[in-house]
């Protein structure tokens, strides 16, 4: 019996249209769905946005570290993996913040 394989559909992810110079997770030409609970004002400067993102990632780091202490086995490994991703994100955001708004020497 011959097995047929369906053709993969063409999508933006598979089309090779990823632009390394502008790696966005969302399309700026397509507005995000309106949420009346959480809104970020459009005129907030990038250093402020990055500062809040860094604080959010730091909180995620603490939460997942605390949770990992209560777990064992595969669940603990998963929580620690999430914690490591939060730390990496925090480091990346801090580096971007240092570039945009260098710390002043005292």
PDB file of N, CA and C in Angstrom:
ATOM      1  N   UNK A   1       0.842  -1.171   0.000  1.00  0.00           N
ATOM      2  CA  UNK A   1       0.000   0.000   0.000  1.00  0.00           C
ATOM      3  C   UNK A   1       0.890   1.238   0.000  1.00  0.00           C
ATOM      4  N   UNK A   2       0.562   2.183  -0.855  1.00  0.00           N
ATOM      5  CA  UNK A   2       1.356   3.388  -1.007  1.00  0.00           C
ATOM      6  C   UNK A   2       0.847   4.454  -0.045  1.00  0.00           C
ATOM      7  N   UNK A   3       1.768   5.041   0.686  1.00  0.00           N
ATOM      8  CA  UNK A   3       1.416   6.093   1.642  1.00  0.00           C
ATOM      9  C   UNK A   3       1.672   7.450   1.001  1.00  0.00           C
ATOM     10  N   UNK A   4       0.674   8.326   1.053  1.00  0.00           N
ATOM     11  CA  UNK A   4       0.844   9.667   0.487  1.00  0.00           C
ATOM     12  C   UNK A   4       1.105  10.666   1.598  1.00  0.00           C
ATOM     13  N   UNK A   5       1.999  11.576   1.302  1.00  0.00           N
ATOM     14  CA  UNK A   5       2.333  12.626   2.255  1.00  0.00           C
ATOM     15  C   UNK A   5       1.725  13.926   1.769  1.00  0.00           C
ATOM     16  N   UNK A   6       0.944  14.605   2.620  1.00  0.00           N
ATOM     17  CA  UNK A   6       0.355  15.873   2.185  1.00  0.00           C
ATOM     18  C   UNK A   6       1.429  16.928   1.970  1.00  0.00           C
ATOM     19  N   UNK A   7       1.164  17.849   1.017  1.00  0.00           N
ATOM     20  CA  UNK A   7       2.090  18.948   0.760  1.00  0.00           C
ATOM     21  C   UNK A   7       1.999  19.945   1.911  1.00  0.00           C
ATOM     22  N   UNK A   8       3.133  20.397   2.415  1.00  0.00           N
ATOM     23  CA  UNK A   8       3.069  21.418   3.463  1.00  0.00           C
ATOM     24  C   UNK A   8       2.514  22.720   2.902  1.00  0.00           C
ATOM     25  N   UNK A   9       1.664  23.345   3.676  1.00  0.00           N
ATOM     26  CA  UNK A   9       1.093  24.617   3.213  1.00  0.00           C
ATOM     27  C   UNK A   9       2.131  25.714   3.324  1.00  0.00           C
ATOM     28  N   UNK A  10       2.028  26.662   2.424  1.00  0.00           N
ATOM     29  CA  UNK A  10       2.951  27.789   2.487  1.00  0.00           C
ATOM     30  C   UNK A  10       2.435  28.790   3.489  1.00  0.00           C
ATOM     31  N   UNK A  11       3.288  29.185   4.387  1.00  0.00           N
ATOM     32  CA  UNK A  11       2.932  30.175   5.388  1.00  0.00           C
ATOM     33  C   UNK A  11       4.096  31.132   5.537  1.00  0.00           C
ATOM     34  N   UNK A  12       3.883  32.297   6.174  1.00  0.00           N
ATOM     35  CA  UNK A  12       4.986  33.234   6.342  1.00  0.00           C
ATOM     36  C   UNK A  12       6.180  32.623   7.076  1.00  0.00           C
ATOM     37  N   UNK A  13       5.920  31.677   7.984  1.00  0.00           N
ATOM     38  CA  UNK A  13       7.010  31.063   8.731  1.00  0.00           C
ATOM     39  C   UNK A  13       7.855  30.198   7.812  1.00  0.00           C
ATOM     40  N   UNK A  14       7.212  29.472   6.911  1.00  0.00           N
ATOM     41  CA  UNK A  14       7.932  28.563   6.027  1.00  0.00           C
ATOM     42  C   UNK A  14       8.410  29.219   4.740  1.00  0.00           C
ATOM     43  N   UNK A  15       7.998  30.440   4.470  1.00  0.00           N
ATOM     44  CA  UNK A  15       8.316  31.043   3.181  1.00  0.00           C
ATOM     45  C   UNK A  15       9.707  31.648   3.118  1.00  0.00           C
ATOM     46  N   UNK A  16      10.430  31.666   4.233  1.00  0.00           N
ATOM     47  CA  UNK A  16      11.767  32.233   4.243  1.00  0.00           C
ATOM     48  C   UNK A  16      11.761  33.748   4.234  1.00  0.00           C
ATOM     49  N   UNK A  17      10.664  34.386   4.666  1.00  0.00           N
ATOM     50  CA  UNK A  17      10.560  35.837   4.623  1.00  0.00           C
ATOM     51  C   UNK A  17      11.030  36.495   5.913  1.00  0.00           C
ATOM     52  N   UNK A  18      11.671  35.738   6.791  1.00  0.00           N
ATOM     53  CA  UNK A  18      12.148  36.297   8.053  1.00  0.00           C
ATOM     54  C   UNK A  18      13.286  37.271   7.785  1.00  0.00           C
ATOM     55  N   UNK A  19      13.156  38.474   8.320  1.00  0.00           N
ATOM     56  CA  UNK A  19      14.160  39.518   8.125  1.00  0.00           C
ATOM     57  C   UNK A  19      14.993  39.627   9.389  1.00  0.00           C
ATOM     58  N   UNK A  20      16.249  39.211   9.326  1.00  0.00           N
ATOM     59  CA  UNK A  20      17.114  39.222  10.505  1.00  0.00           C
ATOM     60  C   UNK A  20      17.355  40.630  11.016  1.00  0.00           C
ATOM     61  N   UNK A  21      17.228  41.647  10.149  1.00  0.00           N
ATOM     62  CA  UNK A  21      17.435  43.026  10.572  1.00  0.00           C
ATOM     63  C   UNK A  21      16.251  43.560  11.363  1.00  0.00           C
ATOM     64  N   UNK A  22      15.095  42.933  11.224  1.00  0.00           N
ATOM     65  CA  UNK A  22      13.895  43.400  11.907  1.00  0.00           C
ATOM     66  C   UNK A  22      13.104  42.201  12.440  1.00  0.00           C
ATOM     67  N   UNK A  23      13.659  41.508  13.461  1.00  0.00           N
ATOM     68  CA  UNK A  23      12.981  40.318  13.975  1.00  0.00           C
ATOM     69  C   UNK A  23      11.815  40.686  14.905  1.00  0.00           C
ATOM     70  N   UNK A  24      10.618  40.738  14.367  1.00  0.00           N
ATOM     71  CA  UNK A  24       9.439  41.090  15.155  1.00  0.00           C
ATOM     72  C   UNK A  24       8.589  39.855  15.388  1.00  0.00           C
ATOM     73  N   UNK A  25       7.950  39.820  16.556  1.00  0.00           N
ATOM     74  CA  UNK A  25       7.039  38.733  16.854  1.00  0.00           C
ATOM     75  C   UNK A  25       5.624  39.051  16.417  1.00  0.00           C
ATOM     76  N   UNK A  26       5.355  40.289  16.076  1.00  0.00           N
ATOM     77  CA  UNK A  26       4.025  40.678  15.625  1.00  0.00           C
ATOM     78  C   UNK A  26       4.164  41.614  14.442  1.00  0.00           C
ATOM     79  N   UNK A  27       3.099  41.763  13.706  1.00  0.00           N
ATOM     80  CA  UNK A  27       3.086  42.596  12.518  1.00  0.00           C
ATOM     81  C   UNK A  27       2.694  44.017  12.908  1.00  0.00           C
ATOM     82  N   UNK A  28       3.594  45.007  12.762  1.00  0.00           N
ATOM     83  CA  UNK A  28       3.254  46.373  13.164  1.00  0.00           C
ATOM     84  C   UNK A  28       2.142  46.984  12.307  1.00  0.00           C
ATOM     85  N   UNK A  29       1.899  46.422  11.123  1.00  0.00           N
ATOM     86  CA  UNK A  29       0.826  46.927  10.266  1.00  0.00           C
ATOM     87  C   UNK A  29      -0.536  46.369  10.661  1.00  0.00           C
ATOM     88  N   UNK A  30      -0.535  45.360  11.505  1.00  0.00           N
ATOM     89  CA  UNK A  30      -1.789  44.757  11.970  1.00  0.00           C
ATOM     90  C   UNK A  30      -1.901  45.043  13.467  1.00  0.00           C
ATOM     91  N   UNK A  31      -2.812  45.919  13.868  1.00  0.00           N
ATOM     92  CA  UNK A  31      -2.891  46.279  15.279  1.00  0.00           C
ATOM     93  C   UNK A  31      -3.248  45.085  16.157  1.00  0.00           C
ATOM     94  N   UNK A  32      -2.733  45.126  17.374  1.00  0.00           N
ATOM     95  CA  UNK A  32      -3.068  44.086  18.340  1.00  0.00           C
ATOM     96  C   UNK A  32      -4.547  44.173  18.669  1.00  0.00           C
ATOM     97  N   UNK A  33      -5.140  43.057  19.044  1.00  0.00           N
ATOM     98  CA  UNK A  33      -6.548  43.118  19.455  1.00  0.00           C
ATOM     99  C   UNK A  33      -6.716  44.075  20.635  1.00  0.00           C
ATOM    100  N   UNK A  34      -7.807  44.769  20.658  1.00  0.00           N
ATOM    101  CA  UNK A  34      -8.052  45.741  21.718  1.00  0.00           C
ATOM    102  C   UNK A  34      -8.312  45.018  23.028  1.00  0.00           C
ATOM    103  N   UNK A  35      -7.594  45.414  24.051  1.00  0.00           N
ATOM    104  CA  UNK A  35      -7.793  44.888  25.387  1.00  0.00           C
ATOM    105  C   UNK A  35      -8.033  46.064  26.310  1.00  0.00           C
ATOM    106  N   UNK A  36      -9.118  46.024  27.012  1.00  0.00           N
ATOM    107  CA  UNK A  36      -9.437  47.114  27.911  1.00  0.00           C
ATOM    108  C   UNK A  36      -8.831  46.905  29.293  1.00  0.00           C
ATOM    109  N   UNK A  37      -8.194  45.771  29.504  1.00  0.00           N
ATOM    110  CA  UNK A  37      -7.591  45.500  30.808  1.00  0.00           C
ATOM    111  C   UNK A  37      -6.136  45.959  30.821  1.00  0.00           C
ATOM    112  N   UNK A  38      -5.362  45.531  29.834  1.00  0.00           N
ATOM    113  CA  UNK A  38      -3.951  45.880  29.769  1.00  0.00           C
ATOM    114  C   UNK A  38      -3.705  46.692  28.510  1.00  0.00           C
ATOM    115  N   UNK A  39      -3.221  47.905  28.682  1.00  0.00           N
ATOM    116  CA  UNK A  39      -2.943  48.767  27.550  1.00  0.00           C
ATOM    117  C   UNK A  39      -1.603  49.460  27.788  1.00  0.00           C
ATOM    118  N   UNK A  40      -0.791  49.532  26.750  1.00  0.00           N
ATOM    119  CA  UNK A  40       0.466  50.267  26.816  1.00  0.00           C
ATOM    120  C   UNK A  40       0.294  51.488  25.938  1.00  0.00           C
ATOM    121  N   UNK A  41       0.474  52.634  26.517  1.00  0.00           N
ATOM    122  CA  UNK A  41       0.303  53.878  25.790  1.00  0.00           C
ATOM    123  C   UNK A  41       1.338  53.985  24.676  1.00  0.00           C
ATOM    124  N   UNK A  42       0.960  54.506  23.530  1.00  0.00           N
ATOM    125  CA  UNK A  42       1.870  54.528  22.378  1.00  0.00           C
ATOM    126  C   UNK A  42       3.048  55.491  22.517  1.00  0.00           C
ATOM    127  N   UNK A  43       2.987  56.473  23.416  1.00  0.00           N
ATOM    128  CA  UNK A  43       4.054  57.473  23.497  1.00  0.00           C
ATOM    129  C   UNK A  43       5.074  57.205  24.605  1.00  0.00           C
ATOM    130  N   UNK A  44       5.112  55.992  25.134  1.00  0.00           N
ATOM    131  CA  UNK A  44       6.088  55.667  26.180  1.00  0.00           C
ATOM    132  C   UNK A  44       7.436  55.398  25.515  1.00  0.00           C
ATOM    133  N   UNK A  45       8.491  55.972  26.086  1.00  0.00           N
ATOM    134  CA  UNK A  45       9.825  55.858  25.485  1.00  0.00           C
ATOM    135  C   UNK A  45      10.405  54.454  25.689  1.00  0.00           C
ATOM    136  N   UNK A  46      11.285  54.023  24.781  1.00  0.00           N
ATOM    137  CA  UNK A  46      11.865  52.676  24.869  1.00  0.00           C
ATOM    138  C   UNK A  46      12.580  52.363  26.189  1.00  0.00           C
ATOM    139  N   UNK A  47      13.369  53.278  26.781  1.00  0.00           N
ATOM    140  CA  UNK A  47      13.992  52.925  28.061  1.00  0.00           C
ATOM    141  C   UNK A  47      12.972  52.585  29.150  1.00  0.00           C
ATOM    142  N   UNK A  48      11.853  53.293  29.181  1.00  0.00           N
ATOM    143  CA  UNK A  48      10.825  52.998  30.177  1.00  0.00           C
ATOM    144  C   UNK A  48      10.204  51.630  29.909  1.00  0.00           C
ATOM    145  N   UNK A  49       9.921  51.343  28.641  1.00  0.00           N
ATOM    146  CA  UNK A  49       9.366  50.037  28.288  1.00  0.00           C
ATOM    147  C   UNK A  49      10.333  48.914  28.661  1.00  0.00           C
ATOM    148  N   UNK A  50      11.613  49.104  28.359  1.00  0.00           N
ATOM    149  CA  UNK A  50      12.611  48.091  28.678  1.00  0.00           C
ATOM    150  C   UNK A  50      12.774  47.916  30.185  1.00  0.00           C
ATOM    151  N   UNK A  51      12.690  49.002  30.936  1.00  0.00           N
ATOM    152  CA  UNK A  51      12.790  48.903  32.396  1.00  0.00           C
ATOM    153  C   UNK A  51      11.659  48.057  32.959  1.00  0.00           C
ATOM    154  N   UNK A  52      10.454  48.289  32.475  1.00  0.00           N
ATOM    155  CA  UNK A  52       9.313  47.506  32.950  1.00  0.00           C
ATOM    156  C   UNK A  52       9.403  46.054  32.494  1.00  0.00           C
ATOM    157  N   UNK A  53       9.901  45.831  31.276  1.00  0.00           N
ATOM    158  CA  UNK A  53      10.086  44.461  30.800  1.00  0.00           C
ATOM    159  C   UNK A  53      11.117  43.736  31.660  1.00  0.00           C
ATOM    160  N   UNK A  54      12.169  44.429  32.035  1.00  0.00           N
ATOM    161  CA  UNK A  54      13.204  43.843  32.880  1.00  0.00           C
ATOM    162  C   UNK A  54      12.645  43.473  34.247  1.00  0.00           C
ATOM    163  N   UNK A  55      11.849  44.357  34.830  1.00  0.00           N
ATOM    164  CA  UNK A  55      11.236  44.070  36.131  1.00  0.00           C
ATOM    165  C   UNK A  55      10.266  42.895  36.042  1.00  0.00           C
ATOM    166  N   UNK A  56       9.548  42.792  34.939  1.00  0.00           N
ATOM    167  CA  UNK A  56       8.625  41.670  34.745  1.00  0.00           C
ATOM    168  C   UNK A  56       9.389  40.357  34.649  1.00  0.00           C
ATOM    169  N   UNK A  57      10.482  40.358  33.893  1.00  0.00           N
ATOM    170  CA  UNK A  57      11.297  39.159  33.770  1.00  0.00           C
ATOM    171  C   UNK A  57      11.965  38.788  35.094  1.00  0.00           C
ATOM    172  N   UNK A  58      12.378  39.784  35.863  1.00  0.00           N
ATOM    173  CA  UNK A  58      12.963  39.510  37.180  1.00  0.00           C
ATOM    174  C   UNK A  58      11.923  38.869  38.098  1.00  0.00           C
ATOM    175  N   UNK A  59      10.682  39.337  38.018  1.00  0.00           N
ATOM    176  CA  UNK A  59       9.608  38.739  38.815  1.00  0.00           C
ATOM    177  C   UNK A  59       9.353  37.299  38.381  1.00  0.00           C
ATOM    178  N   UNK A  60       9.353  37.060  37.068  1.00  0.00           N
ATOM    179  CA  UNK A  60       9.173  35.704  36.556  1.00  0.00           C
ATOM    180  C   UNK A  60      10.301  34.802  37.043  1.00  0.00           C
ATOM    181  N   UNK A  61      11.514  35.316  37.082  1.00  0.00           N
ATOM    182  CA  UNK A  61      12.667  34.573  37.588  1.00  0.00           C
ATOM    183  C   UNK A  61      12.420  34.128  39.026  1.00  0.00           C
ATOM    184  N   UNK A  62      11.998  35.049  39.879  1.00  0.00           N
ATOM    185  CA  UNK A  62      11.759  34.730  41.292  1.00  0.00           C
ATOM    186  C   UNK A  62      10.620  33.722  41.435  1.00  0.00           C
ATOM    187  N   UNK A  63       9.530  33.944  40.703  1.00  0.00           N
ATOM    188  CA  UNK A  63       8.378  33.040  40.790  1.00  0.00           C
ATOM    189  C   UNK A  63       8.741  31.615  40.381  1.00  0.00           C
ATOM    190  N   UNK A  64       9.450  31.468  39.272  1.00  0.00           N
ATOM    191  CA  UNK A  64       9.788  30.123  38.809  1.00  0.00           C
ATOM    192  C   UNK A  64      10.841  29.467  39.695  1.00  0.00           C
ATOM    193  N   UNK A  65      11.750  30.244  40.253  1.00  0.00           N
ATOM    194  CA  UNK A  65      12.730  29.686  41.173  1.00  0.00           C
ATOM    195  C   UNK A  65      12.034  29.167  42.427  1.00  0.00           C
ATOM    196  N   UNK A  66      11.115  29.961  42.979  1.00  0.00           N
ATOM    197  CA  UNK A  66      10.356  29.519  44.155  1.00  0.00           C
ATOM    198  C   UNK A  66       9.532  28.273  43.843  1.00  0.00           C
ATOM    199  N   UNK A  67       8.910  28.250  42.680  1.00  0.00           N
ATOM    200  CA  UNK A  67       8.105  27.105  42.293  1.00  0.00           C
ATOM    201  C   UNK A  67       8.980  25.862  42.128  1.00  0.00           C
ATOM    202  N   UNK A  68      10.163  26.018  41.541  1.00  0.00           N
ATOM    203  CA  UNK A  68      11.058  24.871  41.329  1.00  0.00           C
ATOM    204  C   UNK A  68      11.481  24.241  42.648  1.00  0.00           C
ATOM    205  N   UNK A  69      11.577  25.052  43.697  1.00  0.00           N
ATOM    206  CA  UNK A  69      11.959  24.523  45.015  1.00  0.00           C
ATOM    207  C   UNK A  69      10.900  23.579  45.569  1.00  0.00           C
ATOM    208  N   UNK A  70       9.663  23.726  45.124  1.00  0.00           N
ATOM    209  CA  UNK A  70       8.559  22.890  45.588  1.00  0.00           C
ATOM    210  C   UNK A  70       8.357  21.645  44.729  1.00  0.00           C
ATOM    211  N   UNK A  71       9.061  21.554  43.609  1.00  0.00           N
ATOM    212  CA  UNK A  71       8.857  20.466  42.656  1.00  0.00           C
ATOM    213  C   UNK A  71      10.040  19.504  42.664  1.00  0.00           C
ATOM    214  N   UNK A  72       9.849  18.385  41.978  1.00  0.00           N
ATOM    215  CA  UNK A  72      10.948  17.435  41.817  1.00  0.00           C
ATOM    216  C   UNK A  72      10.840  16.802  40.442  1.00  0.00           C
ATOM    217  N   UNK A  73      11.897  16.156  40.035  1.00  0.00           N
ATOM    218  CA  UNK A  73      11.907  15.431  38.776  1.00  0.00           C
ATOM    219  C   UNK A  73      11.751  16.316  37.554  1.00  0.00           C
ATOM    220  N   UNK A  74      10.942  15.830  36.606  1.00  0.00           N
ATOM    221  CA  UNK A  74      10.760  16.526  35.332  1.00  0.00           C
ATOM    222  C   UNK A  74      10.109  17.889  35.516  1.00  0.00           C
ATOM    223  N   UNK A  75       9.175  18.003  36.463  1.00  0.00           N
ATOM    224  CA  UNK A  75       8.525  19.297  36.691  1.00  0.00           C
ATOM    225  C   UNK A  75       9.520  20.328  37.194  1.00  0.00           C
ATOM    226  N   UNK A  76      10.429  19.914  38.047  1.00  0.00           N
ATOM    227  CA  UNK A  76      11.469  20.840  38.535  1.00  0.00           C
ATOM    228  C   UNK A  76      12.375  21.279  37.383  1.00  0.00           C
ATOM    229  N   UNK A  77      12.756  20.336  36.532  1.00  0.00           N
ATOM    230  CA  UNK A  77      13.608  20.673  35.381  1.00  0.00           C
ATOM    231  C   UNK A  77      12.903  21.655  34.456  1.00  0.00           C
ATOM    232  N   UNK A  78      11.614  21.456  34.235  1.00  0.00           N
ATOM    233  CA  UNK A  78      10.847  22.364  33.388  1.00  0.00           C
ATOM    234  C   UNK A  78      10.790  23.762  34.001  1.00  0.00           C
ATOM    235  N   UNK A  79      10.515  23.842  35.303  1.00  0.00           N
ATOM    236  CA  UNK A  79      10.460  25.146  35.972  1.00  0.00           C
ATOM    237  C   UNK A  79      11.817  25.849  35.912  1.00  0.00           C
ATOM    238  N   UNK A  80      12.893  25.107  36.086  1.00  0.00           N
ATOM    239  CA  UNK A  80      14.229  25.709  36.027  1.00  0.00           C
ATOM    240  C   UNK A  80      14.589  26.139  34.605  1.00  0.00           C
ATOM    241  N   UNK A  81      14.079  25.426  33.605  1.00  0.00           N
ATOM    242  CA  UNK A  81      14.289  25.846  32.219  1.00  0.00           C
ATOM    243  C   UNK A  81      13.587  27.170  31.955  1.00  0.00           C
ATOM    244  N   UNK A  82      12.361  27.304  32.443  1.00  0.00           N
ATOM    245  CA  UNK A  82      11.628  28.567  32.304  1.00  0.00           C
ATOM    246  C   UNK A  82      12.369  29.681  33.039  1.00  0.00           C
ATOM    247  N   UNK A  83      12.888  29.381  34.213  1.00  0.00           N
ATOM    248  CA  UNK A  83      13.645  30.366  34.995  1.00  0.00           C
ATOM    249  C   UNK A  83      14.876  30.827  34.232  1.00  0.00           C
ATOM    250  N   UNK A  84      15.577  29.895  33.587  1.00  0.00           N
ATOM    251  CA  UNK A  84      16.764  30.267  32.811  1.00  0.00           C
ATOM    252  C   UNK A  84      16.401  31.149  31.629  1.00  0.00           C
ATOM    253  N   UNK A  85      15.283  30.873  30.975  1.00  0.00           N
ATOM    254  CA  UNK A  85      14.836  31.726  29.869  1.00  0.00           C
ATOM    255  C   UNK A  85      14.505  33.131  30.369  1.00  0.00           C
ATOM    256  N   UNK A  86      13.908  33.226  31.539  1.00  0.00           N
ATOM    257  CA  UNK A  86      13.602  34.538  32.116  1.00  0.00           C
ATOM    258  C   UNK A  86      14.894  35.310  32.392  1.00  0.00           C
ATOM    259  N   UNK A  87      15.904  34.622  32.916  1.00  0.00           N
ATOM    260  CA  UNK A  87      17.191  35.273  33.198  1.00  0.00           C
ATOM    261  C   UNK A  87      17.845  35.751  31.914  1.00  0.00           C
ATOM    262  N   UNK A  88      17.814  34.921  30.871  1.00  0.00           N
ATOM    263  CA  UNK A  88      18.403  35.318  29.592  1.00  0.00           C
ATOM    264  C   UNK A  88      17.670  36.536  29.036  1.00  0.00           C
ATOM    265  N   UNK A  89      16.341  36.515  29.102  1.00  0.00           N
ATOM    266  CA  UNK A  89      15.557  37.664  28.644  1.00  0.00           C
ATOM    267  C   UNK A  89      15.901  38.913  29.429  1.00  0.00           C
ATOM    268  N   UNK A  90      16.048  38.765  30.737  1.00  0.00           N
ATOM    269  CA  UNK A  90      16.406  39.910  31.583  1.00  0.00           C
ATOM    270  C   UNK A  90      17.778  40.466  31.212  1.00  0.00           C
ATOM    271  N   UNK A  91      18.735  39.584  30.954  1.00  0.00           N
ATOM    272  CA  UNK A  91      20.073  40.035  30.551  1.00  0.00           C
ATOM    273  C   UNK A  91      20.031  40.775  29.217  1.00  0.00           C
ATOM    274  N   UNK A  92      19.255  40.248  28.269  1.00  0.00           N
ATOM    275  CA  UNK A  92      19.140  40.900  26.965  1.00  0.00           C
ATOM    276  C   UNK A  92      18.494  42.278  27.079  1.00  0.00           C
ATOM    277  N   UNK A  93      17.450  42.377  27.874  1.00  0.00           N
ATOM    278  CA  UNK A  93      16.768  43.657  28.053  1.00  0.00           C
ATOM    279  C   UNK A  93      17.686  44.648  28.763  1.00  0.00           C
ATOM    280  N   UNK A  94      18.407  44.191  29.777  1.00  0.00           N
ATOM    281  CA  UNK A  94      19.346  45.084  30.478  1.00  0.00           C
ATOM    282  C   UNK A  94      20.437  45.589  29.538  1.00  0.00           C
ATOM    283  N   UNK A  95      20.910  44.714  28.660  1.00  0.00           N
ATOM    284  CA  UNK A  95      21.952  45.136  27.704  1.00  0.00           C
ATOM    285  C   UNK A  95      21.396  46.181  26.746  1.00  0.00           C
ATOM    286  N   UNK A  96      20.183  45.959  26.242  1.00  0.00           N
ATOM    287  CA  UNK A  96      19.558  46.937  25.349  1.00  0.00           C
ATOM    288  C   UNK A  96      19.349  48.259  26.078  1.00  0.00           C
ATOM    289  N   UNK A  97      18.962  48.191  27.330  1.00  0.00           N
ATOM    290  CA  UNK A  97      18.760  49.402  28.131  1.00  0.00           C
ATOM    291  C   UNK A  97      20.077  50.147  28.330  1.00  0.00           C
ATOM    292  N   UNK A  98      21.169  49.400  28.566  1.00  0.00           N
ATOM    293  CA  UNK A  98      22.492  50.033  28.700  1.00  0.00           C
ATOM    294  C   UNK A  98      22.906  50.749  27.419  1.00  0.00           C
ATOM    295  N   UNK A  99      22.529  50.182  26.271  1.00  0.00           N
ATOM    296  CA  UNK A  99      22.870  50.818  24.989  1.00  0.00           C
ATOM    297  C   UNK A  99      22.054  52.074  24.778  1.00  0.00           C
ATOM    298  N   UNK A 100      20.735  51.990  25.048  1.00  0.00           N
ATOM    299  CA  UNK A 100      19.853  53.137  24.833  1.00  0.00           C
ATOM    300  C   UNK A 100      20.058  54.241  25.869  1.00  0.00           C
ATOM    301  N   UNK A 101      20.327  53.854  27.096  1.00  0.00           N
ATOM    302  CA  UNK A 101      20.424  54.817  28.183  1.00  0.00           C
ATOM    303  C   UNK A 101      21.617  54.420  29.066  1.00  0.00           C
ATOM    304  N   UNK A 102      22.854  54.725  28.613  1.00  0.00           N
ATOM    305  CA  UNK A 102      24.034  54.283  29.344  1.00  0.00           C
ATOM    306  C   UNK A 102      24.048  54.790  30.790  1.00  0.00           C
ATOM    307  N   UNK A 103      24.504  53.941  31.709  1.00  0.00           N
ATOM    308  CA  UNK A 103      24.597  54.394  33.100  1.00  0.00           C
ATOM    309  C   UNK A 103      25.645  55.496  33.232  1.00  0.00           C
ATOM    310  N   UNK A 104      25.361  56.452  34.089  1.00  0.00           N
ATOM    311  CA  UNK A 104      26.304  57.555  34.292  1.00  0.00           C
ATOM    312  C   UNK A 104      27.309  57.177  35.369  1.00  0.00           C
ATOM    313  N   UNK A 105      28.528  57.628  35.185  1.00  0.00           N
ATOM    314  CA  UNK A 105      29.577  57.362  36.167  1.00  0.00           C
ATOM    315  C   UNK A 105      29.403  58.281  37.362  1.00  0.00           C
ATOM    316  N   UNK A 106      29.610  57.739  38.531  1.00  0.00           N
ATOM    317  CA  UNK A 106      29.465  58.546  39.765  1.00  0.00           C
ATOM    318  C   UNK A 106      30.785  59.103  40.182  1.00  0.00           C
TER     319      UNK A 106
END
